[in-house]
Amino acid sequence: MLRLLVVCVIACGPGPVRRVPPPATESLPDTAFANLDHDQRIALMKTHVMPVMTPLFQRHDPKFSTVDCKTCHADADWRMPNKELVVLDLDDLSAHEPADVEWMKTEIVPAMRKILRDPGLRCARCHPVAGP
């Protein structure tokens, strides 16, 4: 009798496991930022730049409690360099806090180079520079 019950339970079990594929997600091409179209650039900013840069900025200085598009881009103007960021004299950075300069050199610029796939990215990509 017990064997019959075991056979019935096994026979009436849940059946084969059905695997549900994960939802489709848009993926970005494996290319430099310069090669992306407008919508892809926005997607990259939302999915890669903001999640990486937000903690870097917030860990460096509490004034960055809100990190959003306007942290790096001028209001309603997405072109870079951002005329609203600090103007840099690349020959003499002594007017700036050494800790800020070091943070930009060792954390911000390398992170943006990697995200944007632009090994030549420099300070002047985002900041206006003094001089001709």
N, C-alpha and C. Protein backbone atom coordinates (compact mmCIF):
# COMPACT_ATOMS: atom_id res chain seq x y z
N MET A 1 0.81 -1.18 0.00
CA MET A 1 0.00 0.00 0.00
C MET A 1 0.87 1.26 0.00
N LEU A 2 1.89 1.25 0.81
CA LEU A 2 2.79 2.40 0.89
C LEU A 2 3.47 2.64 -0.45
N ARG A 3 3.85 1.54 -1.13
CA ARG A 3 4.49 1.68 -2.44
C ARG A 3 3.54 2.34 -3.44
N LEU A 4 2.29 1.98 -3.40
CA LEU A 4 1.31 2.57 -4.30
C LEU A 4 1.16 4.06 -4.03
N LEU A 5 1.17 4.44 -2.78
CA LEU A 5 1.07 5.85 -2.41
C LEU A 5 2.29 6.63 -2.91
N VAL A 6 3.49 6.06 -2.75
CA VAL A 6 4.72 6.70 -3.20
C VAL A 6 4.68 6.86 -4.72
N VAL A 7 4.27 5.84 -5.44
CA VAL A 7 4.19 5.90 -6.89
C VAL A 7 3.20 6.98 -7.31
N CYS A 8 2.08 7.10 -6.65
CA CYS A 8 1.08 8.13 -6.99
C CYS A 8 1.61 9.53 -6.73
N VAL A 9 2.30 9.70 -5.63
CA VAL A 9 2.86 11.02 -5.30
C VAL A 9 3.89 11.42 -6.34
N ILE A 10 4.75 10.48 -6.72
CA ILE A 10 5.78 10.77 -7.71
C ILE A 10 5.13 11.04 -9.06
N ALA A 11 4.17 10.26 -9.42
CA ALA A 11 3.51 10.42 -10.72
C ALA A 11 2.73 11.71 -10.80
N CYS A 12 2.22 12.18 -9.70
CA CYS A 12 1.39 13.39 -9.70
C CYS A 12 2.17 14.62 -9.25
N GLY A 13 3.49 14.50 -9.21
CA GLY A 13 4.34 15.60 -8.74
C GLY A 13 4.22 16.84 -9.61
N PRO A 14 5.03 17.84 -9.33
CA PRO A 14 4.90 19.13 -10.00
C PRO A 14 5.29 19.12 -11.47
N GLY A 15 5.89 18.09 -11.95
CA GLY A 15 6.25 18.03 -13.36
C GLY A 15 7.59 18.70 -13.59
N PRO A 16 7.96 18.83 -14.85
CA PRO A 16 9.27 19.41 -15.15
C PRO A 16 9.33 20.89 -14.76
N VAL A 17 10.50 21.30 -14.37
CA VAL A 17 10.71 22.70 -14.01
C VAL A 17 10.76 23.52 -15.29
N ARG A 18 9.96 24.56 -15.34
CA ARG A 18 9.96 25.44 -16.51
C ARG A 18 10.84 26.63 -16.22
N ARG A 19 11.81 26.82 -17.05
CA ARG A 19 12.72 27.96 -16.88
C ARG A 19 12.18 29.15 -17.65
N VAL A 20 12.04 30.25 -16.94
CA VAL A 20 11.55 31.48 -17.55
C VAL A 20 12.77 32.33 -17.88
N PRO A 21 12.92 32.71 -19.14
CA PRO A 21 14.09 33.53 -19.48
C PRO A 21 13.99 34.91 -18.81
N PRO A 22 15.13 35.49 -18.51
CA PRO A 22 15.09 36.84 -17.91
C PRO A 22 14.50 37.81 -18.92
N PRO A 23 13.92 38.91 -18.41
CA PRO A 23 13.36 39.90 -19.34
C PRO A 23 14.46 40.49 -20.21
N ALA A 24 14.10 40.80 -21.41
CA ALA A 24 15.08 41.40 -22.34
C ALA A 24 15.45 42.79 -21.86
N THR A 25 16.71 43.10 -21.95
CA THR A 25 17.16 44.43 -21.59
C THR A 25 17.98 44.98 -22.74
N GLU A 26 17.91 46.27 -22.89
CA GLU A 26 18.69 46.90 -23.95
C GLU A 26 20.15 46.88 -23.54
N SER A 27 20.99 46.48 -24.44
CA SER A 27 22.41 46.52 -24.14
C SER A 27 23.08 47.55 -25.05
N LEU A 28 24.10 48.14 -24.51
CA LEU A 28 24.83 49.16 -25.27
C LEU A 28 25.94 48.49 -26.07
N PRO A 29 26.22 49.03 -27.23
CA PRO A 29 27.31 48.46 -28.02
C PRO A 29 28.65 48.62 -27.30
N ASP A 30 29.55 47.72 -27.58
CA ASP A 30 30.88 47.74 -26.98
C ASP A 30 31.76 48.69 -27.79
N THR A 31 31.52 49.99 -27.59
CA THR A 31 32.23 51.00 -28.37
C THR A 31 32.40 52.27 -27.54
N ALA A 32 33.23 53.14 -28.01
CA ALA A 32 33.49 54.41 -27.31
C ALA A 32 32.26 55.30 -27.33
N PHE A 33 32.17 56.15 -26.34
CA PHE A 33 31.06 57.10 -26.20
C PHE A 33 30.86 57.91 -27.48
N ALA A 34 31.94 58.31 -28.10
CA ALA A 34 31.85 59.14 -29.31
C ALA A 34 31.10 58.44 -30.43
N ASN A 35 31.05 57.11 -30.40
CA ASN A 35 30.38 56.35 -31.46
C ASN A 35 28.92 56.05 -31.16
N LEU A 36 28.43 56.45 -29.99
CA LEU A 36 27.05 56.17 -29.61
C LEU A 36 26.12 57.25 -30.16
N ASP A 37 24.87 56.86 -30.42
CA ASP A 37 23.90 57.87 -30.82
C ASP A 37 23.35 58.56 -29.57
N HIS A 38 22.51 59.55 -29.76
CA HIS A 38 22.01 60.37 -28.65
C HIS A 38 21.34 59.51 -27.57
N ASP A 39 20.43 58.61 -27.96
CA ASP A 39 19.71 57.79 -26.99
C ASP A 39 20.66 56.84 -26.26
N GLN A 40 21.63 56.30 -26.96
CA GLN A 40 22.61 55.41 -26.33
C GLN A 40 23.48 56.18 -25.34
N ARG A 41 23.80 57.42 -25.67
CA ARG A 41 24.60 58.23 -24.74
C ARG A 41 23.83 58.49 -23.45
N ILE A 42 22.55 58.80 -23.58
CA ILE A 42 21.72 59.02 -22.39
C ILE A 42 21.65 57.73 -21.57
N ALA A 43 21.45 56.61 -22.24
CA ALA A 43 21.38 55.33 -21.54
C ALA A 43 22.69 55.04 -20.80
N LEU A 44 23.82 55.31 -21.44
CA LEU A 44 25.11 55.10 -20.80
C LEU A 44 25.25 55.98 -19.56
N MET A 45 24.83 57.21 -19.66
CA MET A 45 24.91 58.12 -18.51
C MET A 45 24.07 57.58 -17.35
N LYS A 46 22.87 57.12 -17.65
CA LYS A 46 21.97 56.63 -16.59
C LYS A 46 22.41 55.30 -16.00
N THR A 47 22.93 54.41 -16.84
CA THR A 47 23.22 53.05 -16.36
C THR A 47 24.66 52.83 -15.94
N HIS A 48 25.57 53.71 -16.38
CA HIS A 48 26.97 53.50 -16.04
C HIS A 48 27.60 54.70 -15.33
N VAL A 49 27.45 55.88 -15.90
CA VAL A 49 28.11 57.05 -15.32
C VAL A 49 27.54 57.38 -13.94
N MET A 50 26.24 57.57 -13.85
CA MET A 50 25.65 57.97 -12.56
C MET A 50 25.90 56.95 -11.45
N PRO A 51 25.69 55.65 -11.68
CA PRO A 51 25.93 54.69 -10.60
C PRO A 51 27.38 54.63 -10.13
N VAL A 52 28.32 54.88 -11.02
CA VAL A 52 29.74 54.84 -10.64
C VAL A 52 30.17 56.17 -10.01
N MET A 53 29.78 57.27 -10.63
CA MET A 53 30.29 58.57 -10.20
C MET A 53 29.64 59.08 -8.91
N THR A 54 28.37 58.75 -8.70
CA THR A 54 27.69 59.25 -7.50
C THR A 54 28.44 58.92 -6.22
N PRO A 55 28.78 57.66 -5.95
CA PRO A 55 29.50 57.40 -4.71
C PRO A 55 30.90 58.01 -4.68
N LEU A 56 31.55 58.15 -5.83
CA LEU A 56 32.87 58.78 -5.84
C LEU A 56 32.78 60.23 -5.41
N PHE A 57 31.79 60.94 -5.92
CA PHE A 57 31.60 62.34 -5.54
C PHE A 57 31.17 62.46 -4.08
N GLN A 58 30.21 61.65 -3.67
CA GLN A 58 29.68 61.76 -2.31
C GLN A 58 30.71 61.37 -1.26
N ARG A 59 31.55 60.40 -1.57
CA ARG A 59 32.59 59.99 -0.62
C ARG A 59 33.65 61.08 -0.48
N HIS A 60 33.90 61.82 -1.55
CA HIS A 60 34.92 62.86 -1.52
C HIS A 60 34.47 64.11 -0.77
N ASP A 61 33.22 64.51 -0.97
CA ASP A 61 32.76 65.77 -0.37
C ASP A 61 31.26 65.72 -0.11
N PRO A 62 30.85 65.96 1.14
CA PRO A 62 29.42 65.92 1.48
C PRO A 62 28.56 66.95 0.72
N LYS A 63 29.19 67.96 0.13
CA LYS A 63 28.39 68.94 -0.63
C LYS A 63 27.72 68.28 -1.83
N PHE A 64 28.18 67.10 -2.21
CA PHE A 64 27.59 66.37 -3.32
C PHE A 64 26.51 65.41 -2.83
N SER A 65 25.65 65.89 -1.93
CA SER A 65 24.58 65.03 -1.42
C SER A 65 23.65 64.62 -2.56
N THR A 66 23.50 65.50 -3.54
CA THR A 66 22.74 65.17 -4.75
C THR A 66 23.70 65.20 -5.92
N VAL A 67 23.83 64.08 -6.58
CA VAL A 67 24.64 64.00 -7.79
C VAL A 67 23.67 63.68 -8.92
N ASP A 68 23.59 64.59 -9.86
CA ASP A 68 22.70 64.37 -10.99
C ASP A 68 23.36 64.94 -12.24
N CYS A 69 22.61 65.06 -13.31
CA CYS A 69 23.17 65.54 -14.58
C CYS A 69 23.84 66.90 -14.42
N LYS A 70 23.24 67.76 -13.60
CA LYS A 70 23.75 69.13 -13.44
C LYS A 70 25.07 69.18 -12.66
N THR A 71 25.46 68.09 -12.03
CA THR A 71 26.74 68.06 -11.34
C THR A 71 27.88 68.28 -12.34
N CYS A 72 27.72 67.73 -13.52
CA CYS A 72 28.77 67.83 -14.53
C CYS A 72 28.38 68.68 -15.74
N HIS A 73 27.10 68.74 -16.03
CA HIS A 73 26.64 69.46 -17.21
C HIS A 73 25.98 70.77 -16.82
N ALA A 74 26.16 71.79 -17.66
CA ALA A 74 25.51 73.08 -17.44
C ALA A 74 24.00 72.90 -17.55
N ASP A 75 23.27 73.75 -16.89
CA ASP A 75 21.81 73.68 -16.93
C ASP A 75 21.32 73.83 -18.37
N ALA A 76 20.62 72.82 -18.85
CA ALA A 76 20.01 72.82 -20.19
C ALA A 76 21.04 72.89 -21.32
N ASP A 77 22.28 72.53 -21.05
CA ASP A 77 23.31 72.51 -22.09
C ASP A 77 24.21 71.31 -21.83
N TRP A 78 24.11 70.30 -22.68
CA TRP A 78 24.82 69.05 -22.44
C TRP A 78 26.20 69.04 -23.06
N ARG A 79 26.56 70.10 -23.77
CA ARG A 79 27.88 70.13 -24.40
C ARG A 79 28.97 70.23 -23.35
N MET A 80 30.10 69.65 -23.69
CA MET A 80 31.26 69.73 -22.80
C MET A 80 32.38 70.39 -23.59
N PRO A 81 33.25 71.15 -22.96
CA PRO A 81 33.33 71.39 -21.53
C PRO A 81 32.17 72.25 -21.03
N ASN A 82 31.90 72.10 -19.75
CA ASN A 82 30.82 72.81 -19.10
C ASN A 82 31.31 74.18 -18.65
N LYS A 83 30.77 75.21 -19.24
CA LYS A 83 31.20 76.58 -18.92
C LYS A 83 30.93 76.98 -17.47
N GLU A 84 30.12 76.20 -16.77
CA GLU A 84 29.81 76.51 -15.37
C GLU A 84 30.76 75.84 -14.37
N LEU A 85 31.60 74.92 -14.85
CA LEU A 85 32.57 74.29 -13.95
C LEU A 85 33.76 75.22 -13.74
N VAL A 86 34.54 74.93 -12.74
CA VAL A 86 35.73 75.71 -12.41
C VAL A 86 36.67 75.74 -13.62
N VAL A 87 37.14 76.96 -13.95
CA VAL A 87 38.12 77.12 -15.04
C VAL A 87 39.48 76.68 -14.50
N LEU A 88 40.16 75.85 -15.27
CA LEU A 88 41.46 75.32 -14.85
C LEU A 88 42.59 75.96 -15.65
N ASP A 89 43.65 76.29 -14.95
CA ASP A 89 44.90 76.64 -15.60
C ASP A 89 45.75 75.38 -15.51
N LEU A 90 45.83 74.65 -16.59
CA LEU A 90 46.49 73.35 -16.57
C LEU A 90 47.99 73.43 -16.30
N ASP A 91 48.58 74.63 -16.46
CA ASP A 91 49.99 74.80 -16.15
C ASP A 91 50.22 75.10 -14.67
N ASP A 92 49.16 75.49 -13.96
CA ASP A 92 49.29 75.85 -12.56
C ASP A 92 47.98 75.55 -11.84
N LEU A 93 47.91 74.41 -11.19
CA LEU A 93 46.70 74.02 -10.46
C LEU A 93 46.77 74.38 -8.98
N SER A 94 47.74 75.22 -8.60
CA SER A 94 47.94 75.57 -7.19
C SER A 94 46.77 76.37 -6.61
N ALA A 95 45.91 76.92 -7.42
CA ALA A 95 44.76 77.66 -6.92
C ALA A 95 43.68 76.73 -6.37
N HIS A 96 43.85 75.43 -6.59
CA HIS A 96 42.85 74.45 -6.17
C HIS A 96 43.38 73.61 -5.02
N GLU A 97 42.47 73.10 -4.22
CA GLU A 97 42.85 72.25 -3.09
C GLU A 97 43.61 71.03 -3.61
N PRO A 98 44.77 70.75 -3.07
CA PRO A 98 45.54 69.59 -3.52
C PRO A 98 44.75 68.27 -3.44
N ALA A 99 43.93 68.13 -2.40
CA ALA A 99 43.13 66.90 -2.27
C ALA A 99 42.12 66.78 -3.41
N ASP A 100 41.57 67.91 -3.85
CA ASP A 100 40.61 67.89 -4.96
C ASP A 100 41.30 67.52 -6.27
N VAL A 101 42.46 68.09 -6.48
CA VAL A 101 43.22 67.80 -7.71
C VAL A 101 43.61 66.32 -7.73
N GLU A 102 44.08 65.81 -6.62
CA GLU A 102 44.48 64.40 -6.54
C GLU A 102 43.28 63.48 -6.77
N TRP A 103 42.14 63.82 -6.18
CA TRP A 103 40.91 63.04 -6.35
C TRP A 103 40.50 62.99 -7.81
N MET A 104 40.55 64.14 -8.47
CA MET A 104 40.19 64.17 -9.88
C MET A 104 41.17 63.32 -10.70
N LYS A 105 42.46 63.44 -10.40
CA LYS A 105 43.48 62.70 -11.17
C LYS A 105 43.41 61.19 -10.94
N THR A 106 43.16 60.78 -9.70
CA THR A 106 43.27 59.36 -9.37
C THR A 106 41.94 58.61 -9.36
N GLU A 107 40.83 59.34 -9.25
CA GLU A 107 39.53 58.66 -9.20
C GLU A 107 38.60 59.05 -10.35
N ILE A 108 38.36 60.34 -10.50
CA ILE A 108 37.35 60.80 -11.46
C ILE A 108 37.79 60.58 -12.91
N VAL A 109 38.95 61.08 -13.27
CA VAL A 109 39.40 60.94 -14.66
C VAL A 109 39.56 59.47 -15.04
N PRO A 110 40.21 58.62 -14.25
CA PRO A 110 40.32 57.21 -14.64
C PRO A 110 38.96 56.51 -14.77
N ALA A 111 38.03 56.83 -13.87
CA ALA A 111 36.70 56.21 -13.95
C ALA A 111 35.99 56.64 -15.23
N MET A 112 36.06 57.92 -15.57
CA MET A 112 35.40 58.39 -16.79
C MET A 112 36.09 57.84 -18.04
N ARG A 113 37.39 57.71 -18.01
CA ARG A 113 38.10 57.10 -19.15
C ARG A 113 37.57 55.69 -19.41
N LYS A 114 37.41 54.95 -18.34
CA LYS A 114 36.95 53.58 -18.48
C LYS A 114 35.49 53.53 -18.95
N ILE A 115 34.63 54.29 -18.31
CA ILE A 115 33.20 54.27 -18.66
C ILE A 115 32.97 54.72 -20.10
N LEU A 116 33.63 55.82 -20.48
CA LEU A 116 33.43 56.38 -21.82
C LEU A 116 34.29 55.69 -22.88
N ARG A 117 35.15 54.79 -22.42
CA ARG A 117 36.08 54.09 -23.33
C ARG A 117 36.89 55.10 -24.14
N ASP A 118 37.44 56.03 -23.38
CA ASP A 118 38.22 57.11 -23.99
C ASP A 118 39.52 57.26 -23.20
N PRO A 119 40.57 56.52 -23.57
CA PRO A 119 41.82 56.59 -22.82
C PRO A 119 42.50 57.96 -22.90
N GLY A 120 42.10 58.79 -23.83
CA GLY A 120 42.69 60.11 -23.96
C GLY A 120 41.95 61.21 -23.22
N LEU A 121 40.91 60.83 -22.48
CA LEU A 121 40.13 61.84 -21.75
C LEU A 121 41.01 62.62 -20.79
N ARG A 122 40.87 63.93 -20.80
CA ARG A 122 41.66 64.82 -19.93
C ARG A 122 40.71 65.78 -19.21
N CYS A 123 41.27 66.56 -18.31
CA CYS A 123 40.49 67.52 -17.52
C CYS A 123 39.67 68.46 -18.40
N ALA A 124 40.25 68.86 -19.53
CA ALA A 124 39.60 69.83 -20.41
C ALA A 124 38.38 69.25 -21.12
N ARG A 125 38.14 67.97 -20.99
CA ARG A 125 36.93 67.39 -21.57
C ARG A 125 35.70 67.94 -20.84
N CYS A 126 35.83 68.16 -19.55
CA CYS A 126 34.70 68.64 -18.75
C CYS A 126 34.87 70.10 -18.32
N HIS A 127 36.09 70.46 -17.94
CA HIS A 127 36.36 71.80 -17.43
C HIS A 127 36.84 72.75 -18.54
N PRO A 128 36.37 74.00 -18.48
CA PRO A 128 36.99 75.01 -19.37
C PRO A 128 38.42 75.26 -18.88
N VAL A 129 39.29 75.61 -19.79
CA VAL A 129 40.68 75.87 -19.41
C VAL A 129 41.04 77.32 -19.71
N ALA A 130 41.92 77.85 -18.87
CA ALA A 130 42.39 79.22 -19.05
C ALA A 130 43.39 79.27 -20.19
N GLY A 131 43.47 80.41 -20.83
CA GLY A 131 44.46 80.59 -21.88
C GLY A 131 43.87 80.39 -23.26
N PRO A 132 44.73 80.45 -24.23
CA PRO A 132 44.26 80.36 -25.62
C PRO A 132 43.74 78.99 -26.00
